[in-house]
PDB file of N, CA and C in Angstrom:
ATOM      1  N   MET A   1       0.555  -1.136   0.001  1.00  0.00           N
ATOM      2  CA  MET A   1      -0.050  -0.026   0.333  1.00  0.00           C
ATOM      3  C   MET A   1       0.766   0.883   0.394  1.00  0.00           C
ATOM      4  N   VAL A   2       0.295   2.216  -0.492  1.00  0.00           N
ATOM      5  CA  VAL A   2       1.505   3.721  -0.852  1.00  0.00           C
ATOM      6  C   VAL A   2       0.952   4.286   0.750  1.00  0.00           C
ATOM      7  N   LYS A   3       2.141   4.999   0.840  1.00  0.00           N
ATOM      8  CA  LYS A   3       1.878   5.572   2.493  1.00  0.00           C
ATOM      9  C   LYS A   3       1.865   7.227   1.695  1.00  0.00           C
ATOM     10  N   ILE A   4       0.919   8.033   2.103  1.00  0.00           N
ATOM     11  CA  ILE A   4       1.271   9.620   1.834  1.00  0.00           C
ATOM     12  C   ILE A   4       1.791  10.191   3.617  1.00  0.00           C
ATOM     13  N   VAL A   5       2.304  10.446   3.229  1.00  0.00           N
ATOM     14  CA  VAL A   5       2.902  11.412   4.293  1.00  0.00           C
ATOM     15  C   VAL A   5       2.882  13.138   3.853  1.00  0.00           C
ATOM     16  N   LEU A   6       2.038  13.587   4.987  1.00  0.00           N
ATOM     17  CA  LEU A   6       1.787  14.898   5.093  1.00  0.00           C
ATOM     18  C   LEU A   6       2.908  15.943   6.468  1.00  0.00           C
ATOM     19  N   THR A   7       3.259  16.900   5.826  1.00  0.00           N
ATOM     20  CA  THR A   7       3.975  17.813   6.590  1.00  0.00           C
ATOM     21  C   THR A   7       4.319  19.214   6.215  1.00  0.00           C
ATOM     22  N   THR A   8       4.423  20.003   7.372  1.00  0.00           N
ATOM     23  CA  THR A   8       4.373  21.562   6.889  1.00  0.00           C
ATOM     24  C   THR A   8       5.336  22.283   7.467  1.00  0.00           C
ATOM     25  N   LEU A   9       6.214  23.088   6.874  1.00  0.00           N
ATOM     26  CA  LEU A   9       7.424  24.457   7.287  1.00  0.00           C
ATOM     27  C   LEU A   9       7.250  24.901   6.646  1.00  0.00           C
ATOM     28  N   ASP A  10       7.996  26.498   7.713  1.00  0.00           N
ATOM     29  CA  ASP A  10       7.592  27.567   7.076  1.00  0.00           C
ATOM     30  C   ASP A  10       8.839  28.291   6.053  1.00  0.00           C
ATOM     31  N   ASP A  11       9.221  27.457   5.747  1.00  0.00           N
ATOM     32  CA  ASP A  11      10.634  27.991   4.214  1.00  0.00           C
ATOM     33  C   ASP A  11      10.259  27.249   3.343  1.00  0.00           C
ATOM     34  N   GLU A  12      10.612  27.897   2.264  1.00  0.00           N
ATOM     35  CA  GLU A  12      10.155  27.311   1.110  1.00  0.00           C
ATOM     36  C   GLU A  12      11.455  26.752   0.341  1.00  0.00           C
ATOM     37  N   LYS A  13      12.268  27.481   0.771  1.00  0.00           N
ATOM     38  CA  LYS A  13      13.831  26.935   0.241  1.00  0.00           C
ATOM     39  C   LYS A  13      13.598  25.372   1.016  1.00  0.00           C
ATOM     40  N   VAL A  14      13.498  25.774   2.232  1.00  0.00           N
ATOM     41  CA  VAL A  14      14.038  24.649   3.202  1.00  0.00           C
ATOM     42  C   VAL A  14      13.265  23.276   2.625  1.00  0.00           C
ATOM     43  N   ALA A  15      12.246  23.241   2.411  1.00  0.00           N
ATOM     44  CA  ALA A  15      10.773  22.259   1.878  1.00  0.00           C
ATOM     45  C   ALA A  15      11.636  21.509   0.587  1.00  0.00           C
ATOM     46  N   ALA A  16      12.373  22.437  -0.316  1.00  0.00           N
ATOM     47  CA  ALA A  16      12.436  21.946  -1.579  1.00  0.00           C
ATOM     48  C   ALA A  16      13.676  21.097  -1.158  1.00  0.00           C
ATOM     49  N   GLU A  17      14.426  21.489  -0.517  1.00  0.00           N
ATOM     50  CA  GLU A  17      15.719  20.992  -0.323  1.00  0.00           C
ATOM     51  C   GLU A  17      15.365  19.282   0.917  1.00  0.00           C
ATOM     52  N   ILE A  18      14.318  19.677   1.621  1.00  0.00           N
ATOM     53  CA  ILE A  18      14.082  18.454   2.169  1.00  0.00           C
ATOM     54  C   ILE A  18      12.939  17.466   1.346  1.00  0.00           C
ATOM     55  N   ALA A  19      12.219  17.737   0.388  1.00  0.00           N
ATOM     56  CA  ALA A  19      11.882  17.066  -0.864  1.00  0.00           C
ATOM     57  C   ALA A  19      13.122  16.220  -1.412  1.00  0.00           C
ATOM     58  N   SER A  20      13.898  17.296  -1.741  1.00  0.00           N
ATOM     59  CA  SER A  20      15.107  16.512  -2.704  1.00  0.00           C
ATOM     60  C   SER A  20      15.468  15.406  -2.019  1.00  0.00           C
ATOM     61  N   LEU A  21      15.973  15.839  -0.990  1.00  0.00           N
ATOM     62  CA  LEU A  21      16.926  14.546   0.372  1.00  0.00           C
ATOM     63  C   LEU A  21      15.999  13.478   0.076  1.00  0.00           C
ATOM     64  N   LEU A  22      14.798  13.673   0.403  1.00  0.00           N
ATOM     65  CA  LEU A  22      13.862  12.291   0.382  1.00  0.00           C
ATOM     66  C   LEU A  22      13.585  11.257  -0.913  1.00  0.00           C
ATOM     67  N   VAL A  23      13.624  12.521  -1.489  1.00  0.00           N
ATOM     68  CA  VAL A  23      13.714  11.609  -2.819  1.00  0.00           C
ATOM     69  C   VAL A  23      15.279  11.092  -3.172  1.00  0.00           C
ATOM     70  N   GLU A  24      15.622  11.412  -2.829  1.00  0.00           N
ATOM     71  CA  GLU A  24      17.330  11.363  -3.565  1.00  0.00           C
ATOM     72  C   GLU A  24      17.832  10.119  -2.600  1.00  0.00           C
ATOM     73  N   GLU A  25      17.463   9.964  -1.026  1.00  0.00           N
ATOM     74  CA  GLU A  25      18.107   8.954  -0.356  1.00  0.00           C
ATOM     75  C   GLU A  25      17.277   7.675  -0.354  1.00  0.00           C
ATOM     76  N   LYS A  26      15.964   7.983  -1.500  1.00  0.00           N
ATOM     77  CA  LYS A  26      15.081   6.390  -1.865  1.00  0.00           C
ATOM     78  C   LYS A  26      14.183   6.325  -0.792  1.00  0.00           C
ATOM     79  N   LEU A  27      13.990   7.677   0.139  1.00  0.00           N
ATOM     80  CA  LEU A  27      12.651   7.203   1.343  1.00  0.00           C
ATOM     81  C   LEU A  27      11.266   8.023   0.552  1.00  0.00           C
ATOM     82  N   ALA A  28      11.064   8.385  -0.641  1.00  0.00           N
ATOM     83  CA  ALA A  28      10.427   9.150  -0.791  1.00  0.00           C
ATOM     84  C   ALA A  28      10.466   8.982  -1.939  1.00  0.00           C
ATOM     85  N   ALA A  29       9.692   8.340  -3.140  1.00  0.00           N
ATOM     86  CA  ALA A  29       9.173   8.367  -4.364  1.00  0.00           C
ATOM     87  C   ALA A  29       9.326   9.604  -5.100  1.00  0.00           C
ATOM     88  N   CYS A  30       8.229  10.505  -4.729  1.00  0.00           N
ATOM     89  CA  CYS A  30       7.659  11.681  -4.765  1.00  0.00           C
ATOM     90  C   CYS A  30       7.354  12.833  -3.759  1.00  0.00           C
ATOM     91  N   VAL A  31       7.858  14.129  -4.114  1.00  0.00           N
ATOM     92  CA  VAL A  31       7.494  14.976  -3.017  1.00  0.00           C
ATOM     93  C   VAL A  31       6.926  16.041  -3.806  1.00  0.00           C
ATOM     94  N   SER A  32       5.529  16.296  -3.491  1.00  0.00           N
ATOM     95  CA  SER A  32       4.857  17.209  -4.108  1.00  0.00           C
ATOM     96  C   SER A  32       4.781  18.431  -2.988  1.00  0.00           C
ATOM     97  N   ILE A  33       5.474  19.751  -3.279  1.00  0.00           N
ATOM     98  CA  ILE A  33       5.044  20.753  -2.838  1.00  0.00           C
ATOM     99  C   ILE A  33       4.183  21.635  -2.783  1.00  0.00           C
ATOM    100  N   VAL A  34       3.395  21.884  -1.889  1.00  0.00           N
ATOM    101  CA  VAL A  34       2.431  22.898  -2.083  1.00  0.00           C
ATOM    102  C   VAL A  34       2.745  24.177  -1.017  1.00  0.00           C
ATOM    103  N   LYS A  35       2.948  25.248  -2.402  1.00  0.00           N
ATOM    104  CA  LYS A  35       2.606  26.677  -1.462  1.00  0.00           C
ATOM    105  C   LYS A  35       1.467  27.644  -0.890  1.00  0.00           C
ATOM    106  N   ASP A  36       1.946  28.420  -0.453  1.00  0.00           N
ATOM    107  CA  ASP A  36       1.092  29.620   0.232  1.00  0.00           C
ATOM    108  C   ASP A  36      -0.321  28.075   1.110  1.00  0.00           C
ATOM    109  N   VAL A  37       0.184  27.461   1.534  1.00  0.00           N
ATOM    110  CA  VAL A  37      -0.980  27.231   2.481  1.00  0.00           C
ATOM    111  C   VAL A  37      -1.001  27.775   3.814  1.00  0.00           C
ATOM    112  N   LEU A  38      -2.218  28.735   4.400  1.00  0.00           N
ATOM    113  CA  LEU A  38      -2.635  29.391   5.796  1.00  0.00           C
ATOM    114  C   LEU A  38      -2.930  28.183   6.962  1.00  0.00           C
ATOM    115  N   SER A  39      -2.115  28.116   7.322  1.00  0.00           N
ATOM    116  CA  SER A  39      -2.296  27.023   8.711  1.00  0.00           C
ATOM    117  C   SER A  39      -2.887  28.049   9.814  1.00  0.00           C
ATOM    118  N   VAL A  40      -4.055  27.477  10.528  1.00  0.00           N
ATOM    119  CA  VAL A  40      -4.295  27.899  11.337  1.00  0.00           C
ATOM    120  C   VAL A  40      -4.787  27.178  12.843  1.00  0.00           C
ATOM    121  N   TYR A  41      -4.123  27.497  13.822  1.00  0.00           N
ATOM    122  CA  TYR A  41      -3.629  25.974  14.836  1.00  0.00           C
ATOM    123  C   TYR A  41      -3.613  26.965  16.218  1.00  0.00           C
ATOM    124  N   ARG A  42      -3.324  26.243  17.301  1.00  0.00           N
ATOM    125  CA  ARG A  42      -3.645  26.483  18.466  1.00  0.00           C
ATOM    126  C   ARG A  42      -2.420  26.262  19.062  1.00  0.00           C
ATOM    127  N   TRP A  43      -1.108  27.224  19.533  1.00  0.00           N
ATOM    128  CA  TRP A  43       0.316  26.456  19.813  1.00  0.00           C
ATOM    129  C   TRP A  43       0.549  27.386  21.189  1.00  0.00           C
ATOM    130  N   GLU A  44       0.522  26.808  22.258  1.00  0.00           N
ATOM    131  CA  GLU A  44       0.761  27.357  23.663  1.00  0.00           C
ATOM    132  C   GLU A  44       0.186  28.575  24.264  1.00  0.00           C
ATOM    133  N   GLY A  45      -1.217  28.097  23.863  1.00  0.00           N
ATOM    134  CA  GLY A  45      -2.586  28.994  24.377  1.00  0.00           C
ATOM    135  C   GLY A  45      -3.071  29.851  23.388  1.00  0.00           C
ATOM    136  N   SER A  46      -2.227  30.103  22.430  1.00  0.00           N
ATOM    137  CA  SER A  46      -2.973  31.250  21.449  1.00  0.00           C
ATOM    138  C   SER A  46      -3.229  30.508  20.099  1.00  0.00           C
ATOM    139  N   VAL A  47      -4.181  31.582  19.877  1.00  0.00           N
ATOM    140  CA  VAL A  47      -4.340  30.942  17.872  1.00  0.00           C
ATOM    141  C   VAL A  47      -3.537  31.491  17.184  1.00  0.00           C
ATOM    142  N   VAL A  48      -2.744  30.935  16.204  1.00  0.00           N
ATOM    143  CA  VAL A  48      -2.182  31.516  15.435  1.00  0.00           C
ATOM    144  C   VAL A  48      -2.466  31.009  14.122  1.00  0.00           C
ATOM    145  N   LYS A  49      -2.241  32.120  13.262  1.00  0.00           N
ATOM    146  CA  LYS A  49      -2.087  32.120  11.703  1.00  0.00           C
ATOM    147  C   LYS A  49      -1.010  31.851  10.987  1.00  0.00           C
ATOM    148  N   GLU A  50      -0.559  31.329  10.446  1.00  0.00           N
ATOM    149  CA  GLU A  50       0.983  31.746   9.427  1.00  0.00           C
ATOM    150  C   GLU A  50       1.087  31.088   8.194  1.00  0.00           C
ATOM    151  N   LYS A  51       1.844  31.816   7.094  1.00  0.00           N
ATOM    152  CA  LYS A  51       1.476  30.820   5.512  1.00  0.00           C
ATOM    153  C   LYS A  51       2.895  29.637   6.019  1.00  0.00           C
ATOM    154  N   GLU A  52       2.929  28.789   5.572  1.00  0.00           N
ATOM    155  CA  GLU A  52       3.700  28.068   5.060  1.00  0.00           C
ATOM    156  C   GLU A  52       3.852  26.620   4.399  1.00  0.00           C
ATOM    157  N   VAL A  53       4.414  25.520   3.874  1.00  0.00           N
ATOM    158  CA  VAL A  53       4.541  25.135   3.089  1.00  0.00           C
ATOM    159  C   VAL A  53       4.294  24.158   2.944  1.00  0.00           C
ATOM    160  N   MET A  54       3.544  23.030   2.320  1.00  0.00           N
ATOM    161  CA  MET A  54       2.876  21.521   2.953  1.00  0.00           C
ATOM    162  C   MET A  54       4.133  20.864   1.628  1.00  0.00           C
ATOM    163  N   LEU A  55       4.047  19.865   2.411  1.00  0.00           N
ATOM    164  CA  LEU A  55       5.086  18.585   1.728  1.00  0.00           C
ATOM    165  C   LEU A  55       4.339  17.360   1.594  1.00  0.00           C
ATOM    166  N   VAL A  56       3.814  16.955   0.733  1.00  0.00           N
ATOM    167  CA  VAL A  56       3.284  15.939  -0.103  1.00  0.00           C
ATOM    168  C   VAL A  56       4.028  15.118  -0.134  1.00  0.00           C
ATOM    169  N   CYS A  57       4.423  13.972   0.757  1.00  0.00           N
ATOM    170  CA  CYS A  57       5.224  12.502   0.792  1.00  0.00           C
ATOM    171  C   CYS A  57       4.938  11.158   0.060  1.00  0.00           C
ATOM    172  N   LYS A  58       4.950  10.865  -0.861  1.00  0.00           N
ATOM    173  CA  LYS A  58       4.309   9.443  -1.344  1.00  0.00           C
ATOM    174  C   LYS A  58       5.591   8.386  -0.976  1.00  0.00           C
ATOM    175  N   THR A  59       5.251   7.440  -0.298  1.00  0.00           N
ATOM    176  CA  THR A  59       6.267   6.530  -0.014  1.00  0.00           C
ATOM    177  C   THR A  59       5.703   4.765   0.060  1.00  0.00           C
ATOM    178  N   GLY A  60       6.713   3.957   0.431  1.00  0.00           N
ATOM    179  CA  GLY A  60       5.802   2.860   0.591  1.00  0.00           C
ATOM    180  C   GLY A  60       6.197   2.020   1.674  1.00  0.00           C
ATOM    181  N   GLU A  61       5.515   0.750   2.060  1.00  0.00           N
ATOM    182  CA  GLU A  61       5.548   0.554   3.289  1.00  0.00           C
ATOM    183  C   GLU A  61       6.999   0.362   4.044  1.00  0.00           C
ATOM    184  N   LYS A  62       7.351  -0.460   3.743  1.00  0.00           N
ATOM    185  CA  LYS A  62       8.839  -0.630   3.938  1.00  0.00           C
ATOM    186  C   LYS A  62      10.005   0.650   4.249  1.00  0.00           C
ATOM    187  N   THR A  63       9.712   2.152   3.751  1.00  0.00           N
ATOM    188  CA  THR A  63      10.670   3.221   3.960  1.00  0.00           C
ATOM    189  C   THR A  63       9.460   4.276   4.917  1.00  0.00           C
ATOM    190  N   LEU A  64       8.447   3.552   4.710  1.00  0.00           N
ATOM    191  CA  LEU A  64       7.685   4.564   6.144  1.00  0.00           C
ATOM    192  C   LEU A  64       8.510   5.042   7.145  1.00  0.00           C
ATOM    193  N   ASP A  65       8.374   4.128   7.923  1.00  0.00           N
ATOM    194  CA  ASP A  65       9.301   4.099   9.094  1.00  0.00           C
ATOM    195  C   ASP A  65      10.798   5.192   9.151  1.00  0.00           C
ATOM    196  N   PRO A  66      11.586   4.309   8.233  1.00  0.00           N
ATOM    197  CA  PRO A  66      12.611   5.762   8.211  1.00  0.00           C
ATOM    198  C   PRO A  66      12.997   6.594   7.814  1.00  0.00           C
ATOM    199  N   MET A  67      12.052   7.185   6.693  1.00  0.00           N
ATOM    200  CA  MET A  67      10.976   8.222   6.333  1.00  0.00           C
ATOM    201  C   MET A  67      10.763   9.055   7.301  1.00  0.00           C
ATOM    202  N   ILE A  68      10.390   8.858   7.894  1.00  0.00           N
ATOM    203  CA  ILE A  68       9.895   9.364   9.304  1.00  0.00           C
ATOM    204  C   ILE A  68      11.197   9.882  10.277  1.00  0.00           C
ATOM    205  N   GLU A  69      11.806   9.290  10.268  1.00  0.00           N
ATOM    206  CA  GLU A  69      12.889   9.382  11.082  1.00  0.00           C
ATOM    207  C   GLU A  69      13.749  10.363  10.362  1.00  0.00           C
ATOM    208  N   ARG A  70      13.794  10.065   8.880  1.00  0.00           N
ATOM    209  CA  ARG A  70      14.636  11.381   8.599  1.00  0.00           C
ATOM    210  C   ARG A  70      13.919  12.665   8.353  1.00  0.00           C
ATOM    211  N   LEU A  71      12.850  12.423   8.061  1.00  0.00           N
ATOM    212  CA  LEU A  71      11.875  13.729   8.199  1.00  0.00           C
ATOM    213  C   LEU A  71      12.050  14.596   9.731  1.00  0.00           C
ATOM    214  N   LYS A  72      12.186  13.641  10.700  1.00  0.00           N
ATOM    215  CA  LYS A  72      11.854  14.599  12.238  1.00  0.00           C
ATOM    216  C   LYS A  72      13.896  15.006  12.321  1.00  0.00           C
ATOM    217  N   ASP A  73      14.583  14.378  11.699  1.00  0.00           N
ATOM    218  CA  ASP A  73      15.788  15.140  11.881  1.00  0.00           C
ATOM    219  C   ASP A  73      16.034  15.839  11.345  1.00  0.00           C
ATOM    220  N   LEU A  74      15.921  16.513   9.926  1.00  0.00           N
ATOM    221  CA  LEU A  74      15.015  16.742   8.793  1.00  0.00           C
ATOM    222  C   LEU A  74      14.150  18.407   9.492  1.00  0.00           C
ATOM    223  N   HIS A  75      13.375  17.835   9.904  1.00  0.00           N
ATOM    224  CA  HIS A  75      12.841  19.076  10.690  1.00  0.00           C
ATOM    225  C   HIS A  75      12.800  19.845  11.707  1.00  0.00           C
ATOM    226  N   LYS A  76      12.602  21.666  11.749  1.00  0.00           N
ATOM    227  CA  LYS A  76      13.094  22.637  12.742  1.00  0.00           C
ATOM    228  C   LYS A  76      12.109  22.766  13.551  1.00  0.00           C
ATOM    229  N   TYR A  77      10.784  22.018  13.702  1.00  0.00           N
ATOM    230  CA  TYR A  77       9.533  22.156  14.018  1.00  0.00           C
ATOM    231  C   TYR A  77       9.919  21.914  15.690  1.00  0.00           C
ATOM    232  N   GLU A  78       9.495  22.152  16.565  1.00  0.00           N
ATOM    233  CA  GLU A  78       9.706  21.811  18.216  1.00  0.00           C
ATOM    234  C   GLU A  78       8.926  20.482  18.349  1.00  0.00           C
ATOM    235  N   LEU A  79       7.183  20.538  17.137  1.00  0.00           N
ATOM    236  CA  LEU A  79       6.484  19.669  16.997  1.00  0.00           C
ATOM    237  C   LEU A  79       6.147  19.641  15.732  1.00  0.00           C
ATOM    238  N   PRO A  80       6.890  18.457  15.104  1.00  0.00           N
ATOM    239  CA  PRO A  80       6.542  18.675  13.512  1.00  0.00           C
ATOM    240  C   PRO A  80       5.091  18.016  13.037  1.00  0.00           C
ATOM    241  N   GLU A  81       4.515  18.476  12.235  1.00  0.00           N
ATOM    242  CA  GLU A  81       3.552  17.455  12.068  1.00  0.00           C
ATOM    243  C   GLU A  81       3.580  17.008  10.823  1.00  0.00           C
ATOM    244  N   ILE A  82       3.411  15.466  11.499  1.00  0.00           N
ATOM    245  CA  ILE A  82       3.427  14.607  10.551  1.00  0.00           C
ATOM    246  C   ILE A  82       2.482  14.110  10.695  1.00  0.00           C
ATOM    247  N   LEU A  83       1.718  13.909   9.490  1.00  0.00           N
ATOM    248  CA  LEU A  83       0.541  12.499   9.387  1.00  0.00           C
ATOM    249  C   LEU A  83       0.779  11.874   8.249  1.00  0.00           C
ATOM    250  N   ILE A  84      -0.192  10.483   8.590  1.00  0.00           N
ATOM    251  CA  ILE A  84       0.231   9.341   7.682  1.00  0.00           C
ATOM    252  C   ILE A  84      -0.674   8.965   7.443  1.00  0.00           C
ATOM    253  N   ILE A  85      -0.896   8.931   6.034  1.00  0.00           N
ATOM    254  CA  ILE A  85      -2.343   7.884   5.293  1.00  0.00           C
ATOM    255  C   ILE A  85      -2.145   6.886   4.675  1.00  0.00           C
ATOM    256  N   ASP A  86      -2.825   6.228   4.652  1.00  0.00           N
ATOM    257  CA  ASP A  86      -3.085   4.986   3.813  1.00  0.00           C
ATOM    258  C   ASP A  86      -3.279   5.128   2.480  1.00  0.00           C
ATOM    259  N   ALA A  87      -3.272   5.019   1.255  1.00  0.00           N
ATOM    260  CA  ALA A  87      -3.626   5.556   0.006  1.00  0.00           C
ATOM    261  C   ALA A  87      -3.631   4.580  -0.844  1.00  0.00           C
ATOM    262  N   GLY A  88      -5.097   3.949  -1.761  1.00  0.00           N
ATOM    263  CA  GLY A  88      -5.254   3.260  -2.193  1.00  0.00           C
ATOM    264  C   GLY A  88      -5.011   3.743  -3.738  1.00  0.00           C
ATOM    265  N   SER A  89      -3.974   3.119  -4.728  1.00  0.00           N
ATOM    266  CA  SER A  89      -3.217   3.080  -5.911  1.00  0.00           C
ATOM    267  C   SER A  89      -4.115   2.063  -6.778  1.00  0.00           C
ATOM    268  N   THR A  90      -3.405   2.259  -8.069  1.00  0.00           N
ATOM    269  CA  THR A  90      -3.576   1.595  -9.305  1.00  0.00           C
ATOM    270  C   THR A  90      -1.974   0.391  -8.685  1.00  0.00           C
ATOM    271  N   ASP A  91      -2.163  -0.827  -8.805  1.00  0.00           N
ATOM    272  CA  ASP A  91      -1.119  -1.741  -9.258  1.00  0.00           C
ATOM    273  C   ASP A  91      -0.006  -0.692  -9.469  1.00  0.00           C
ATOM    274  N   ALA A  92       0.118  -0.091 -10.659  1.00  0.00           N
ATOM    275  CA  ALA A  92       1.384  -0.220 -11.665  1.00  0.00           C
ATOM    276  C   ALA A  92       1.888   1.343 -10.823  1.00  0.00           C
ATOM    277  N   TYR A  93       0.898   2.139 -10.132  1.00  0.00           N
ATOM    278  CA  TYR A  93       1.415   2.947  -9.148  1.00  0.00           C
ATOM    279  C   TYR A  93       2.301   2.716  -7.993  1.00  0.00           C
ATOM    280  N   ARG A  94       1.500   1.988  -7.245  1.00  0.00           N
ATOM    281  CA  ARG A  94       2.360   1.333  -6.123  1.00  0.00           C
ATOM    282  C   ARG A  94       3.722   0.904  -6.130  1.00  0.00           C
ATOM    283  N   LYS A  95       3.516   0.043  -7.137  1.00  0.00           N
ATOM    284  CA  LYS A  95       5.059  -0.920  -7.869  1.00  0.00           C
ATOM    285  C   LYS A  95       6.109   0.295  -8.559  1.00  0.00           C
ATOM    286  N   TRP A  96       5.234   1.203  -8.909  1.00  0.00           N
ATOM    287  CA  TRP A  96       6.421   2.464  -9.828  1.00  0.00           C
ATOM    288  C   TRP A  96       7.062   3.203  -7.809  1.00  0.00           C
ATOM    289  N   VAL A  97       6.177   3.425  -6.909  1.00  0.00           N
ATOM    290  CA  VAL A  97       6.773   3.960  -5.685  1.00  0.00           C
ATOM    291  C   VAL A  97       7.703   2.907  -5.070  1.00  0.00           C
ATOM    292  N   GLU A  98       7.560   1.416  -4.833  1.00  0.00           N
ATOM    293  CA  GLU A  98       8.287   0.892  -4.476  1.00  0.00           C
ATOM    294  C   GLU A  98       9.160   0.554  -5.180  1.00  0.00           C
ATOM    295  N   GLU A  99       9.441   0.681  -6.429  1.00  0.00           N
ATOM    296  CA  GLU A  99      10.446   0.630  -6.950  1.00  0.00           C
ATOM    297  C   GLU A  99      11.338   2.052  -6.971  1.00  0.00           C
ATOM    298  N   SER A 100      10.520   3.163  -6.838  1.00  0.00           N
ATOM    299  CA  SER A 100      11.441   4.159  -6.683  1.00  0.00           C
ATOM    300  C   SER A 100      12.150   3.967  -5.129  1.00  0.00           C
ATOM    301  N   CYS A 101      12.060   3.746  -4.014  1.00  0.00           N
ATOM    302  CA  CYS A 101      12.174   3.484  -2.888  1.00  0.00           C
ATOM    303  C   CYS A 101      13.108   2.501  -2.695  1.00  0.00           C
ATOM    304  N   GLY A 102      13.361   1.528  -3.704  1.00  0.00           N
ATOM    305  CA  GLY A 102      14.296   0.777  -3.523  1.00  0.00           C
ATOM    306  C   GLY A 102      13.427  -0.457  -3.008  1.00  0.00           C
ATOM    307  N   ASN A 103      12.237  -0.819  -3.080  1.00  0.00           N
ATOM    308  CA  ASN A 103      11.587  -1.981  -2.706  1.00  0.00           C
ATOM    309  C   ASN A 103      11.204  -3.090  -3.501  1.00  0.00           C
ATOM    310  N   ALA A 104      11.861  -2.911  -4.424  1.00  0.00           N
ATOM    311  CA  ALA A 104      11.177  -4.091  -5.702  1.00  0.00           C
ATOM    312  C   ALA A 104      12.108  -5.630  -5.766  1.00  0.00           C
TER     313      ALA A 104
END
């Protein structure tokens, strides 16, 4: 099954660097970068509104845990948003994700 990992960052350049590293290290088959996300959240008792960049990372089951650990290492937030979604896909796309992550 394909896994989608979502995270947000406050710096577009850093987001692009992390996306490239995850793909180069075969921890993600693809990372989509979504700019100009407005996040509204509660932090330390206050409601905060900030522009962020979202990474949509596609990975396989075998590379999910290593990718999350690497993402935690690269992320500068005290509490990074890391959401994991199980995604159905075509067999061909799942196979491509697995091959791209070195899991074939």
